[in-house]
Amino acid sequence: MNNLKTDGRKSILTIMATMMLTIAWGLAQPLPASAADKTIDTIIAGVEARYNVPGFTADFEQESILKAMAVTDTASGRLMVRQPGKMRWEYLVPDPQTIITDGNDLWVYRPQENQVLVGKAPSFFGEGKGAGFLSNIKTVRKSFQLSLEPSDDATLYRLKLLPNKSSVDLMAVELDIAKKTFDLVRITTFNVYGDETRIELKNVNFKDPPPEELFRFSVPDGADVLKMNP
């Protein structure tokens, strides 16, 4: 009888030791990628493939919400992008204004005021500011930490982007992405004050990239030229 009890205790101890070794081995192994991580990789790969083109054009609608002042401004116009780093935002409503960058220099032309603001593109579009990643979509992986968020539209993915280097102007970005095509449907940026800027892209055309000359600007005769501080 004593031998049976002793053998039983040994069996229990052996089972417990085996379980502990199994758990320890499991903890030592690398954790498999989560379903969310796999989905994020799939989404980003789809977006990169979709925008791996010389350039594209699109119509845009913009809504800017200033939380502290409870003010919402709207605008619309035409966007032209050429890889890498070149963008041309032509605002048509409510007031005409053109923002042009060749990836290095930046011009903001206000025809009604006959005024041109000049500066350097990285100060205003670098690190994802101003939706600058549209001109080089691969910077999304490099400049942001990504997470998958719930979407209120079953046809869209929503990714939240937290910049590796946050600033007053850019604390977070949300991308709403079409599940079928991987088109960027909506870009929402948030600053440190909680203000939001939402840009919706429509009628995207990947077939006819805009010509290079659209991304340089010649200051009109008699225009006032002001330098923008970074």
C-alpha atoms as a PDB file:
ATOM      1  CA  MET A   1       0.000   0.000   0.000  1.00  0.00           C
ATOM      2  CA  ASN A   2       2.798   2.429   0.908  1.00  0.00           C
ATOM      3  CA  ASN A   3       4.496   1.640  -2.388  1.00  0.00           C
ATOM      4  CA  LEU A   4       1.277   2.469  -4.231  1.00  0.00           C
ATOM      5  CA  LYS A   5       1.033   5.802  -2.423  1.00  0.00           C
ATOM      6  CA  THR A   6       4.688   6.556  -3.157  1.00  0.00           C
ATOM      7  CA  ASP A   7       4.276   5.616  -6.817  1.00  0.00           C
ATOM      8  CA  GLY A   8       1.173   7.816  -7.017  1.00  0.00           C
ATOM      9  CA  ARG A   9       3.006  10.791  -5.573  1.00  0.00           C
ATOM     10  CA  LYS A  10       5.874  10.242  -8.012  1.00  0.00           C
ATOM     11  CA  SER A  11       3.438  10.116 -10.907  1.00  0.00           C
ATOM     12  CA  ILE A  12       1.794  13.378  -9.856  1.00  0.00           C
ATOM     13  CA  LEU A  13       5.185  15.059  -9.425  1.00  0.00           C
ATOM     14  CA  THR A  14       6.290  13.796 -12.820  1.00  0.00           C
ATOM     15  CA  ILE A  15       3.141  15.134 -14.491  1.00  0.00           C
ATOM     16  CA  MET A  16       3.535  18.535 -12.775  1.00  0.00           C
ATOM     17  CA  ALA A  17       7.208  18.742 -13.757  1.00  0.00           C
ATOM     18  CA  THR A  18       6.339  17.909 -17.359  1.00  0.00           C
ATOM     19  CA  MET A  19       3.620  20.574 -17.420  1.00  0.00           C
ATOM     20  CA  MET A  20       5.981  23.203 -16.032  1.00  0.00           C
ATOM     21  CA  LEU A  21       8.649  22.330 -18.585  1.00  0.00           C
ATOM     22  CA  THR A  22       6.065  22.523 -21.359  1.00  0.00           C
ATOM     23  CA  ILE A  23       4.859  25.956 -20.175  1.00  0.00           C
ATOM     24  CA  ALA A  24       8.436  27.215 -19.833  1.00  0.00           C
ATOM     25  CA  TRP A  25       9.283  26.007 -23.340  1.00  0.00           C
ATOM     26  CA  GLY A  26       6.192  27.684 -24.719  1.00  0.00           C
ATOM     27  CA  LEU A  27       7.067  31.005 -23.091  1.00  0.00           C
ATOM     28  CA  ALA A  28      10.528  30.845 -24.582  1.00  0.00           C
ATOM     29  CA  GLN A  29       9.203  30.558 -28.143  1.00  0.00           C
ATOM     30  CA  PRO A  30       8.407  33.663 -30.222  1.00  0.00           C
ATOM     31  CA  LEU A  31       4.735  34.542 -30.145  1.00  0.00           C
ATOM     32  CA  PRO A  32       2.916  34.076 -33.458  1.00  0.00           C
ATOM     33  CA  ALA A  33       1.698  37.213 -35.196  1.00  0.00           C
ATOM     34  CA  SER A  34      -1.791  38.166 -34.130  1.00  0.00           C
ATOM     35  CA  ALA A  35      -4.668  38.251 -36.570  1.00  0.00           C
ATOM     36  CA  ALA A  36      -4.686  42.055 -36.323  1.00  0.00           C
ATOM     37  CA  ASP A  37      -0.971  42.252 -37.180  1.00  0.00           C
ATOM     38  CA  LYS A  38      -1.496  40.012 -40.199  1.00  0.00           C
ATOM     39  CA  THR A  39      -4.445  42.132 -41.317  1.00  0.00           C
ATOM     40  CA  ILE A  40      -2.421  45.350 -40.955  1.00  0.00           C
ATOM     41  CA  ASP A  41       0.398  43.876 -43.046  1.00  0.00           C
ATOM     42  CA  THR A  42      -2.114  42.812 -45.688  1.00  0.00           C
ATOM     43  CA  ILE A  43      -3.712  46.272 -45.766  1.00  0.00           C
ATOM     44  CA  ILE A  44      -0.441  48.182 -45.981  1.00  0.00           C
ATOM     45  CA  ALA A  45       0.899  45.835 -48.648  1.00  0.00           C
ATOM     46  CA  GLY A  46      -2.317  46.377 -50.624  1.00  0.00           C
ATOM     47  CA  VAL A  47      -2.078  50.168 -50.319  1.00  0.00           C
ATOM     48  CA  GLU A  48       1.597  50.160 -51.317  1.00  0.00           C
ATOM     49  CA  ALA A  49       0.831  48.047 -54.372  1.00  0.00           C
ATOM     50  CA  ARG A  50      -2.110  50.265 -55.309  1.00  0.00           C
ATOM     51  CA  TYR A  51      -0.077  53.486 -55.090  1.00  0.00           C
ATOM     52  CA  ASN A  52       3.109  52.065 -56.643  1.00  0.00           C
ATOM     53  CA  VAL A  53       2.590  54.249 -59.702  1.00  0.00           C
ATOM     54  CA  PRO A  54       4.430  57.256 -61.192  1.00  0.00           C
ATOM     55  CA  GLY A  55       1.596  59.520 -60.080  1.00  0.00           C
ATOM     56  CA  PHE A  56      -2.143  60.045 -59.765  1.00  0.00           C
ATOM     57  CA  THR A  57      -4.837  62.701 -59.636  1.00  0.00           C
ATOM     58  CA  ALA A  58      -7.981  62.999 -57.510  1.00  0.00           C
ATOM     59  CA  ASP A  59     -10.719  65.351 -56.448  1.00  0.00           C
ATOM     60  CA  PHE A  60     -10.751  66.153 -52.750  1.00  0.00           C
ATOM     61  CA  GLU A  61     -13.099  67.538 -50.137  1.00  0.00           C
ATOM     62  CA  GLN A  62     -11.617  68.885 -46.923  1.00  0.00           C
ATOM     63  CA  GLU A  63     -13.181  69.587 -43.549  1.00  0.00           C
ATOM     64  CA  SER A  64     -11.200  71.289 -40.794  1.00  0.00           C
ATOM     65  CA  ILE A  65     -12.600  71.267 -37.265  1.00  0.00           C
ATOM     66  CA  LEU A  66     -11.174  73.673 -34.677  1.00  0.00           C
ATOM     67  CA  LYS A  67     -12.359  72.190 -31.386  1.00  0.00           C
ATOM     68  CA  ALA A  68     -11.549  75.097 -29.058  1.00  0.00           C
ATOM     69  CA  MET A  69     -13.424  77.601 -31.238  1.00  0.00           C
ATOM     70  CA  ALA A  70     -16.183  75.203 -32.335  1.00  0.00           C
ATOM     71  CA  VAL A  71     -15.519  76.211 -35.936  1.00  0.00           C
ATOM     72  CA  THR A  72     -15.701  73.967 -39.003  1.00  0.00           C
ATOM     73  CA  ASP A  73     -14.254  75.088 -42.333  1.00  0.00           C
ATOM     74  CA  THR A  74     -14.769  73.272 -45.626  1.00  0.00           C
ATOM     75  CA  ALA A  75     -12.868  73.377 -48.905  1.00  0.00           C
ATOM     76  CA  SER A  76     -12.572  71.362 -52.093  1.00  0.00           C
ATOM     77  CA  GLY A  77     -10.393  71.107 -55.142  1.00  0.00           C
ATOM     78  CA  ARG A  78      -8.027  68.958 -57.172  1.00  0.00           C
ATOM     79  CA  LEU A  79      -4.977  66.982 -56.032  1.00  0.00           C
ATOM     80  CA  MET A  80      -2.054  65.932 -58.216  1.00  0.00           C
ATOM     81  CA  VAL A  81       0.742  63.673 -56.988  1.00  0.00           C
ATOM     82  CA  ARG A  82       3.923  62.443 -58.585  1.00  0.00           C
ATOM     83  CA  GLN A  83       6.357  60.080 -56.897  1.00  0.00           C
ATOM     84  CA  PRO A  84       8.408  60.708 -54.946  1.00  0.00           C
ATOM     85  CA  GLY A  85       7.621  63.805 -52.921  1.00  0.00           C
ATOM     86  CA  LYS A  86       5.783  65.956 -55.453  1.00  0.00           C
ATOM     87  CA  MET A  87       2.295  67.317 -54.762  1.00  0.00           C
ATOM     88  CA  ARG A  88      -0.004  69.995 -56.101  1.00  0.00           C
ATOM     89  CA  TRP A  89      -3.140  70.919 -54.139  1.00  0.00           C
ATOM     90  CA  GLU A  90      -5.429  73.205 -56.143  1.00  0.00           C
ATOM     91  CA  TYR A  91      -8.098  74.631 -53.851  1.00  0.00           C
ATOM     92  CA  LEU A  92     -11.085  75.888 -55.820  1.00  0.00           C
ATOM     93  CA  VAL A  93     -13.709  76.441 -53.089  1.00  0.00           C
ATOM     94  CA  PRO A  94     -14.213  78.654 -51.141  1.00  0.00           C
ATOM     95  CA  ASP A  95     -11.148  80.665 -52.206  1.00  0.00           C
ATOM     96  CA  PRO A  96      -8.657  79.749 -54.940  1.00  0.00           C
ATOM     97  CA  GLN A  97      -5.264  78.733 -53.604  1.00  0.00           C
ATOM     98  CA  THR A  98      -2.528  76.446 -54.910  1.00  0.00           C
ATOM     99  CA  ILE A  99       0.016  74.567 -52.793  1.00  0.00           C
ATOM    100  CA  ILE A 100       2.919  73.119 -54.792  1.00  0.00           C
ATOM    101  CA  THR A 101       5.993  71.146 -53.766  1.00  0.00           C
ATOM    102  CA  ASP A 102       8.709  69.453 -55.780  1.00  0.00           C
ATOM    103  CA  GLY A 103       9.778  67.500 -52.703  1.00  0.00           C
ATOM    104  CA  ASN A 104      12.231  70.176 -51.615  1.00  0.00           C
ATOM    105  CA  ASP A 105      10.762  73.631 -52.131  1.00  0.00           C
ATOM    106  CA  LEU A 106       7.210  74.715 -51.294  1.00  0.00           C
ATOM    107  CA  TRP A 107       5.045  77.449 -52.778  1.00  0.00           C
ATOM    108  CA  VAL A 108       1.612  78.648 -51.682  1.00  0.00           C
ATOM    109  CA  TYR A 109      -0.006  80.911 -54.266  1.00  0.00           C
ATOM    110  CA  ARG A 110      -3.035  83.044 -53.409  1.00  0.00           C
ATOM    111  CA  PRO A 111      -4.120  84.700 -56.666  1.00  0.00           C
ATOM    112  CA  GLN A 112      -6.787  86.941 -55.164  1.00  0.00           C
ATOM    113  CA  GLU A 113      -4.141  88.518 -52.941  1.00  0.00           C
ATOM    114  CA  ASN A 114      -1.382  88.235 -55.574  1.00  0.00           C
ATOM    115  CA  GLN A 115       0.746  86.678 -52.847  1.00  0.00           C
ATOM    116  CA  VAL A 116       3.222  83.791 -52.796  1.00  0.00           C
ATOM    117  CA  LEU A 117       4.483  82.095 -49.648  1.00  0.00           C
ATOM    118  CA  VAL A 118       7.739  80.170 -50.063  1.00  0.00           C
ATOM    119  CA  GLY A 119       9.346  77.615 -47.778  1.00  0.00           C
ATOM    120  CA  LYS A 120      10.839  74.146 -47.554  1.00  0.00           C
ATOM    121  CA  ALA A 121       8.639  71.093 -48.075  1.00  0.00           C
ATOM    122  CA  PRO A 122      10.017  68.908 -45.237  1.00  0.00           C
ATOM    123  CA  SER A 123       8.939  71.501 -42.669  1.00  0.00           C
ATOM    124  CA  PHE A 124       5.321  71.265 -43.770  1.00  0.00           C
ATOM    125  CA  PHE A 125       4.960  67.824 -45.362  1.00  0.00           C
ATOM    126  CA  GLY A 126       7.696  65.823 -43.674  1.00  0.00           C
ATOM    127  CA  GLU A 127       7.040  62.996 -41.191  1.00  0.00           C
ATOM    128  CA  GLY A 128       3.488  62.581 -42.488  1.00  0.00           C
ATOM    129  CA  LYS A 129       2.308  66.150 -41.938  1.00  0.00           C
ATOM    130  CA  GLY A 130      -0.168  67.554 -44.426  1.00  0.00           C
ATOM    131  CA  ALA A 131      -0.841  64.056 -45.811  1.00  0.00           C
ATOM    132  CA  GLY A 132       2.674  64.191 -47.238  1.00  0.00           C
ATOM    133  CA  PHE A 133       2.893  60.393 -47.287  1.00  0.00           C
ATOM    134  CA  LEU A 134       0.613  60.425 -50.344  1.00  0.00           C
ATOM    135  CA  SER A 135       3.665  61.325 -52.411  1.00  0.00           C
ATOM    136  CA  ASN A 136       5.645  58.369 -51.041  1.00  0.00           C
ATOM    137  CA  ILE A 137       3.297  55.796 -49.549  1.00  0.00           C
ATOM    138  CA  LYS A 138       6.120  53.586 -48.259  1.00  0.00           C
ATOM    139  CA  THR A 139       6.922  56.186 -45.583  1.00  0.00           C
ATOM    140  CA  VAL A 140       3.809  55.029 -43.700  1.00  0.00           C
ATOM    141  CA  ARG A 141       5.649  51.925 -42.467  1.00  0.00           C
ATOM    142  CA  LYS A 142       8.754  53.935 -41.597  1.00  0.00           C
ATOM    143  CA  SER A 143       7.204  56.949 -39.876  1.00  0.00           C
ATOM    144  CA  PHE A 144       4.255  55.498 -37.930  1.00  0.00           C
ATOM    145  CA  GLN A 145       3.178  52.828 -35.464  1.00  0.00           C
ATOM    146  CA  LEU A 146       0.060  51.181 -36.892  1.00  0.00           C
ATOM    147  CA  SER A 147      -3.037  49.692 -35.284  1.00  0.00           C
ATOM    148  CA  LEU A 148      -6.313  48.347 -36.645  1.00  0.00           C
ATOM    149  CA  GLU A 149      -9.394  50.244 -35.438  1.00  0.00           C
ATOM    150  CA  PRO A 150     -13.138  49.507 -35.690  1.00  0.00           C
ATOM    151  CA  SER A 151     -14.794  51.080 -38.715  1.00  0.00           C
ATOM    152  CA  ASP A 152     -18.400  52.290 -38.892  1.00  0.00           C
ATOM    153  CA  ASP A 153     -18.422  51.324 -42.585  1.00  0.00           C
ATOM    154  CA  ALA A 154     -18.298  47.618 -43.433  1.00  0.00           C
ATOM    155  CA  THR A 155     -16.640  48.375 -46.789  1.00  0.00           C
ATOM    156  CA  LEU A 156     -13.665  50.125 -45.211  1.00  0.00           C
ATOM    157  CA  TYR A 157     -10.649  49.268 -43.098  1.00  0.00           C
ATOM    158  CA  ARG A 158      -9.542  51.871 -40.565  1.00  0.00           C
ATOM    159  CA  LEU A 159      -5.916  52.163 -39.542  1.00  0.00           C
ATOM    160  CA  LYS A 160      -4.682  54.435 -36.775  1.00  0.00           C
ATOM    161  CA  LEU A 161      -1.199  55.863 -37.277  1.00  0.00           C
ATOM    162  CA  LEU A 162       0.861  57.229 -34.385  1.00  0.00           C
ATOM    163  CA  PRO A 163       3.941  59.116 -35.617  1.00  0.00           C
ATOM    164  CA  ASN A 164       7.341  57.987 -34.406  1.00  0.00           C
ATOM    165  CA  LYS A 165       8.096  61.683 -33.952  1.00  0.00           C
ATOM    166  CA  SER A 166       4.944  63.493 -32.875  1.00  0.00           C
ATOM    167  CA  SER A 167       4.653  67.276 -33.066  1.00  0.00           C
ATOM    168  CA  VAL A 168       2.198  70.009 -32.197  1.00  0.00           C
ATOM    169  CA  ASP A 169       0.782  69.787 -35.717  1.00  0.00           C
ATOM    170  CA  LEU A 170       0.565  66.003 -35.896  1.00  0.00           C
ATOM    171  CA  MET A 171      -0.359  63.671 -33.039  1.00  0.00           C
ATOM    172  CA  ALA A 172      -2.248  60.953 -34.922  1.00  0.00           C
ATOM    173  CA  VAL A 173      -3.655  59.992 -38.321  1.00  0.00           C
ATOM    174  CA  GLU A 174      -6.580  57.771 -39.294  1.00  0.00           C
ATOM    175  CA  LEU A 175      -6.786  56.166 -42.718  1.00  0.00           C
ATOM    176  CA  ASP A 176     -10.048  54.789 -44.090  1.00  0.00           C
ATOM    177  CA  ILE A 177      -9.185  52.304 -46.831  1.00  0.00           C
ATOM    178  CA  ALA A 178     -11.478  50.560 -49.310  1.00  0.00           C
ATOM    179  CA  LYS A 179     -11.442  46.797 -48.698  1.00  0.00           C
ATOM    180  CA  LYS A 180     -11.920  45.869 -52.357  1.00  0.00           C
ATOM    181  CA  THR A 181      -9.395  48.202 -53.988  1.00  0.00           C
ATOM    182  CA  PHE A 182      -7.131  49.463 -51.163  1.00  0.00           C
ATOM    183  CA  ASP A 183      -7.857  53.044 -52.242  1.00  0.00           C
ATOM    184  CA  LEU A 184      -7.333  55.692 -49.562  1.00  0.00           C
ATOM    185  CA  VAL A 185     -10.868  57.023 -49.143  1.00  0.00           C
ATOM    186  CA  ARG A 186     -10.395  59.345 -46.183  1.00  0.00           C
ATOM    187  CA  ILE A 187      -7.422  60.790 -44.287  1.00  0.00           C
ATOM    188  CA  THR A 188      -8.006  62.360 -40.870  1.00  0.00           C
ATOM    189  CA  THR A 189      -5.206  64.106 -39.002  1.00  0.00           C
ATOM    190  CA  PHE A 190      -5.240  65.267 -35.374  1.00  0.00           C
ATOM    191  CA  ASN A 191      -3.044  67.891 -33.753  1.00  0.00           C
ATOM    192  CA  VAL A 192      -2.104  68.341 -30.111  1.00  0.00           C
ATOM    193  CA  TYR A 193      -5.175  70.527 -29.484  1.00  0.00           C
ATOM    194  CA  GLY A 194      -7.595  67.876 -30.748  1.00  0.00           C
ATOM    195  CA  ASP A 195      -8.339  69.734 -33.982  1.00  0.00           C
ATOM    196  CA  GLU A 196      -9.167  67.492 -36.949  1.00  0.00           C
ATOM    197  CA  THR A 197      -8.613  67.794 -40.671  1.00  0.00           C
ATOM    198  CA  ARG A 198     -10.503  65.295 -42.840  1.00  0.00           C
ATOM    199  CA  ILE A 199      -9.673  64.856 -46.497  1.00  0.00           C
ATOM    200  CA  GLU A 200     -11.818  62.653 -48.713  1.00  0.00           C
ATOM    201  CA  LEU A 201     -10.390  61.571 -52.052  1.00  0.00           C
ATOM    202  CA  LYS A 202     -12.716  60.915 -54.988  1.00  0.00           C
ATOM    203  CA  ASN A 203     -12.384  60.090 -58.684  1.00  0.00           C
ATOM    204  CA  VAL A 204      -8.817  58.851 -58.263  1.00  0.00           C
ATOM    205  CA  ASN A 205      -7.032  58.357 -61.602  1.00  0.00           C
ATOM    206  CA  PHE A 206      -3.880  56.224 -61.628  1.00  0.00           C
ATOM    207  CA  LYS A 207      -3.639  55.935 -65.419  1.00  0.00           C
ATOM    208  CA  ASP A 208      -2.533  59.455 -66.354  1.00  0.00           C
ATOM    209  CA  PRO A 209       0.248  60.744 -64.076  1.00  0.00           C
ATOM    210  CA  PRO A 210       0.497  64.540 -64.017  1.00  0.00           C
ATOM    211  CA  PRO A 211       3.496  66.015 -65.872  1.00  0.00           C
ATOM    212  CA  GLU A 212       6.624  67.084 -64.005  1.00  0.00           C
ATOM    213  CA  GLU A 213       6.256  70.767 -64.883  1.00  0.00           C
ATOM    214  CA  LEU A 214       3.175  71.057 -62.666  1.00  0.00           C
ATOM    215  CA  PHE A 215       5.371  70.677 -59.598  1.00  0.00           C
ATOM    216  CA  ARG A 216       7.480  73.782 -60.144  1.00  0.00           C
ATOM    217  CA  PHE A 217       6.247  77.329 -59.714  1.00  0.00           C
ATOM    218  CA  SER A 218       7.268  80.645 -61.224  1.00  0.00           C
ATOM    219  CA  VAL A 219       6.355  83.679 -59.164  1.00  0.00           C
ATOM    220  CA  PRO A 220       4.061  86.013 -61.165  1.00  0.00           C
ATOM    221  CA  ASP A 221       5.339  89.502 -61.891  1.00  0.00           C
ATOM    222  CA  GLY A 222       4.403  91.961 -59.171  1.00  0.00           C
ATOM    223  CA  ALA A 223       3.389  89.297 -56.637  1.00  0.00           C
ATOM    224  CA  ASP A 224       4.296  89.773 -53.001  1.00  0.00           C
ATOM    225  CA  VAL A 225       6.694  87.050 -51.822  1.00  0.00           C
ATOM    226  CA  LEU A 226       6.746  86.066 -48.173  1.00  0.00           C
ATOM    227  CA  LYS A 227       8.999  83.503 -46.536  1.00  0.00           C
ATOM    228  CA  MET A 228       7.362  80.874 -44.311  1.00  0.00           C
ATOM    229  CA  ASN A 229       9.087  79.985 -41.072  1.00  0.00           C
ATOM    230  CA  PRO A 230       9.527  76.235 -40.480  1.00  0.00           C
END
